[in-house]
N, C-alpha and C. Protein backbone atom coordinates (compact mmCIF):
# COMPACT_ATOMS: atom_id res chain seq x y z
N MET A 1 30.65 -12.79 55.29
CA MET A 1 31.58 -11.72 55.02
C MET A 1 32.93 -12.10 55.62
N PRO A 2 34.01 -11.95 54.86
CA PRO A 2 35.32 -12.29 55.40
C PRO A 2 35.73 -11.30 56.48
N LYS A 3 36.44 -11.80 57.46
CA LYS A 3 36.94 -10.94 58.52
C LYS A 3 38.45 -11.03 58.53
N ILE A 4 39.10 -9.92 58.24
CA ILE A 4 40.55 -9.89 58.25
C ILE A 4 40.96 -9.21 59.54
N ILE A 5 41.22 -10.03 60.55
CA ILE A 5 41.60 -9.54 61.87
C ILE A 5 42.86 -10.28 62.29
N HIS A 6 43.87 -9.52 62.67
CA HIS A 6 45.08 -10.13 63.19
C HIS A 6 44.83 -10.42 64.66
N LYS A 7 44.77 -11.69 65.01
CA LYS A 7 44.33 -12.11 66.34
C LYS A 7 45.11 -11.48 67.48
N MET A 8 46.43 -11.36 67.34
CA MET A 8 47.22 -10.87 68.47
C MET A 8 46.90 -9.42 68.80
N SER A 9 46.72 -8.59 67.80
CA SER A 9 46.52 -7.17 68.09
C SER A 9 45.09 -6.71 67.82
N GLU A 10 44.24 -7.61 67.30
CA GLU A 10 42.86 -7.28 66.99
C GLU A 10 42.75 -6.11 66.01
N VAL A 11 43.72 -6.00 65.09
CA VAL A 11 43.68 -4.96 64.08
C VAL A 11 42.76 -5.42 62.95
N ILE A 12 41.81 -4.59 62.63
CA ILE A 12 40.88 -4.87 61.55
C ILE A 12 41.33 -4.04 60.36
N HIS A 13 41.66 -4.69 59.25
CA HIS A 13 42.05 -3.95 58.04
C HIS A 13 40.79 -3.79 57.18
N ILE A 14 40.08 -2.70 57.45
CA ILE A 14 38.77 -2.49 56.83
C ILE A 14 38.85 -2.36 55.32
N GLY A 15 39.93 -1.79 54.80
CA GLY A 15 40.07 -1.66 53.36
C GLY A 15 40.09 -3.01 52.66
N SER A 16 40.82 -3.95 53.23
CA SER A 16 40.88 -5.30 52.66
C SER A 16 39.52 -5.99 52.73
N ILE A 17 38.82 -5.75 53.80
CA ILE A 17 37.50 -6.36 53.96
C ILE A 17 36.53 -5.79 52.92
N ILE A 18 36.58 -4.49 52.71
CA ILE A 18 35.71 -3.86 51.71
C ILE A 18 36.04 -4.41 50.33
N ARG A 19 37.32 -4.50 50.01
CA ARG A 19 37.73 -5.03 48.70
C ARG A 19 37.22 -6.46 48.51
N SER A 20 37.40 -7.30 49.52
CA SER A 20 36.95 -8.69 49.43
C SER A 20 35.45 -8.79 49.23
N GLU A 21 34.71 -7.98 49.96
CA GLU A 21 33.24 -8.01 49.85
C GLU A 21 32.79 -7.48 48.49
N LEU A 22 33.45 -6.45 47.99
CA LEU A 22 33.12 -5.91 46.67
C LEU A 22 33.32 -6.98 45.60
N ARG A 23 34.43 -7.71 45.67
CA ARG A 23 34.72 -8.79 44.72
C ARG A 23 33.70 -9.92 44.86
N ARG A 24 33.38 -10.27 46.12
CA ARG A 24 32.41 -11.34 46.36
C ARG A 24 31.07 -11.01 45.73
N LYS A 25 30.69 -9.75 45.77
CA LYS A 25 29.41 -9.32 45.21
C LYS A 25 29.48 -9.14 43.70
N GLY A 26 30.67 -9.28 43.11
CA GLY A 26 30.81 -9.14 41.67
C GLY A 26 30.72 -7.70 41.18
N LYS A 27 30.99 -6.75 42.07
CA LYS A 27 30.94 -5.33 41.71
C LYS A 27 32.35 -4.83 41.39
N THR A 28 32.42 -3.75 40.64
CA THR A 28 33.71 -3.18 40.25
C THR A 28 34.06 -1.96 41.10
N ASN A 29 35.34 -1.60 41.04
CA ASN A 29 35.77 -0.37 41.72
C ASN A 29 35.02 0.83 41.15
N GLY A 30 34.84 0.83 39.82
CA GLY A 30 34.13 1.93 39.16
C GLY A 30 32.70 2.05 39.64
N TRP A 31 32.04 0.92 39.84
CA TRP A 31 30.66 0.94 40.34
C TRP A 31 30.61 1.60 41.72
N LEU A 32 31.52 1.18 42.61
CA LEU A 32 31.52 1.74 43.97
C LEU A 32 31.85 3.22 43.93
N ALA A 33 32.84 3.60 43.12
CA ALA A 33 33.22 5.01 43.01
C ALA A 33 32.04 5.86 42.56
N LYS A 34 31.34 5.40 41.55
CA LYS A 34 30.18 6.15 41.05
C LYS A 34 29.07 6.21 42.09
N THR A 35 28.86 5.10 42.78
CA THR A 35 27.78 5.03 43.76
C THR A 35 28.01 5.96 44.95
N ILE A 36 29.27 6.08 45.40
CA ILE A 36 29.54 6.94 46.55
C ILE A 36 30.12 8.30 46.13
N ASN A 37 30.14 8.52 44.81
CA ASN A 37 30.54 9.81 44.25
C ASN A 37 31.98 10.21 44.59
N VAL A 38 32.91 9.30 44.29
CA VAL A 38 34.33 9.60 44.43
C VAL A 38 35.04 9.18 43.14
N HIS A 39 36.27 9.63 42.97
CA HIS A 39 37.08 9.25 41.82
C HIS A 39 37.46 7.77 41.97
N PRO A 40 37.49 7.03 40.87
CA PRO A 40 37.85 5.60 40.95
C PRO A 40 39.19 5.33 41.66
N ARG A 41 40.16 6.23 41.52
CA ARG A 41 41.44 6.03 42.23
C ARG A 41 41.26 6.08 43.75
N THR A 42 40.26 6.79 44.19
CA THR A 42 39.99 6.87 45.63
C THR A 42 39.63 5.49 46.19
N ILE A 43 38.94 4.69 45.39
CA ILE A 43 38.56 3.35 45.84
C ILE A 43 39.82 2.51 46.10
N ASN A 44 40.80 2.61 45.22
CA ASN A 44 42.06 1.88 45.46
C ASN A 44 42.74 2.34 46.74
N LYS A 45 42.67 3.62 47.02
CA LYS A 45 43.25 4.16 48.26
C LYS A 45 42.50 3.63 49.49
N ILE A 46 41.18 3.53 49.37
CA ILE A 46 40.37 3.00 50.47
C ILE A 46 40.79 1.57 50.79
N PHE A 47 41.05 0.76 49.76
CA PHE A 47 41.44 -0.63 49.95
C PHE A 47 42.74 -0.76 50.75
N LEU A 48 43.58 0.26 50.72
CA LEU A 48 44.87 0.22 51.42
C LEU A 48 44.76 0.66 52.88
N LYS A 49 43.63 1.21 53.24
CA LYS A 49 43.47 1.78 54.59
C LYS A 49 43.10 0.73 55.63
N SER A 50 43.73 0.83 56.79
CA SER A 50 43.33 -0.03 57.91
C SER A 50 42.31 0.68 58.78
N VAL A 51 42.18 2.00 58.61
CA VAL A 51 41.14 2.79 59.29
C VAL A 51 40.48 3.67 58.24
N ILE A 52 39.22 4.02 58.49
CA ILE A 52 38.47 4.81 57.51
C ILE A 52 37.52 5.74 58.26
N ASP A 53 37.29 6.89 57.68
CA ASP A 53 36.34 7.86 58.23
C ASP A 53 34.96 7.22 58.36
N THR A 54 34.29 7.44 59.47
CA THR A 54 33.00 6.80 59.69
C THR A 54 31.94 7.24 58.67
N GLY A 55 32.00 8.49 58.24
CA GLY A 55 31.05 8.96 57.24
C GLY A 55 31.22 8.22 55.92
N GLN A 56 32.48 8.02 55.53
CA GLN A 56 32.75 7.30 54.30
C GLN A 56 32.39 5.82 54.45
N LEU A 57 32.65 5.26 55.62
CA LEU A 57 32.28 3.87 55.85
C LEU A 57 30.76 3.70 55.80
N LEU A 58 30.03 4.67 56.28
CA LEU A 58 28.57 4.63 56.20
C LEU A 58 28.11 4.65 54.74
N GLN A 59 28.71 5.52 53.93
CA GLN A 59 28.37 5.57 52.50
C GLN A 59 28.63 4.23 51.83
N ILE A 60 29.78 3.64 52.11
CA ILE A 60 30.14 2.37 51.51
C ILE A 60 29.20 1.27 51.98
N SER A 61 28.89 1.27 53.27
CA SER A 61 27.97 0.27 53.81
C SER A 61 26.61 0.34 53.14
N ARG A 62 26.09 1.55 52.98
CA ARG A 62 24.79 1.73 52.32
C ARG A 62 24.85 1.29 50.87
N ALA A 63 25.91 1.71 50.17
CA ALA A 63 26.02 1.39 48.74
C ALA A 63 26.10 -0.11 48.51
N MET A 64 26.82 -0.81 49.37
CA MET A 64 27.05 -2.23 49.18
C MET A 64 26.03 -3.10 49.91
N GLY A 65 25.22 -2.49 50.76
CA GLY A 65 24.25 -3.27 51.52
C GLY A 65 24.90 -4.18 52.54
N VAL A 66 26.00 -3.69 53.12
CA VAL A 66 26.77 -4.47 54.10
C VAL A 66 27.03 -3.59 55.32
N ASP A 67 26.79 -4.11 56.50
CA ASP A 67 27.06 -3.37 57.73
C ASP A 67 28.51 -3.59 58.15
N PHE A 68 29.42 -2.77 57.60
CA PHE A 68 30.83 -2.91 57.94
C PHE A 68 31.11 -2.50 59.38
N PHE A 69 30.23 -1.73 59.99
CA PHE A 69 30.40 -1.35 61.39
C PHE A 69 30.28 -2.58 62.30
N LYS A 70 29.53 -3.56 61.88
CA LYS A 70 29.33 -4.78 62.68
C LYS A 70 30.64 -5.50 62.92
N ILE A 71 31.57 -5.39 61.98
CA ILE A 71 32.87 -6.03 62.14
C ILE A 71 33.55 -5.50 63.40
N TYR A 72 33.43 -4.19 63.61
CA TYR A 72 34.04 -3.59 64.79
C TYR A 72 33.29 -3.97 66.06
N SER A 73 31.97 -3.94 66.02
CA SER A 73 31.21 -4.27 67.23
C SER A 73 31.39 -5.75 67.59
N ASP A 74 31.53 -6.62 66.59
CA ASP A 74 31.76 -8.04 66.86
C ASP A 74 33.13 -8.27 67.50
N ALA A 75 34.07 -7.37 67.25
CA ALA A 75 35.42 -7.51 67.81
C ALA A 75 35.50 -7.07 69.26
N LEU A 76 34.42 -6.44 69.77
CA LEU A 76 34.43 -5.98 71.18
C LEU A 76 34.37 -7.13 72.16
């Protein structure tokens, strides 16, 4: 899984990471939107976020089969 972390400030841009992983898996924005029950435009907004609600991140992690929380714990 790609890790987009700016080394100096340890900022994790989770939206970019989700987008990269979605593309790597060959899934579409529409697939993710339907799976987590949001409007497809919401997925584009998620990709722009550097922070995300933990409940939504849990939904995305489950839908994609990826532990996005691990990115944060690995940065500790």
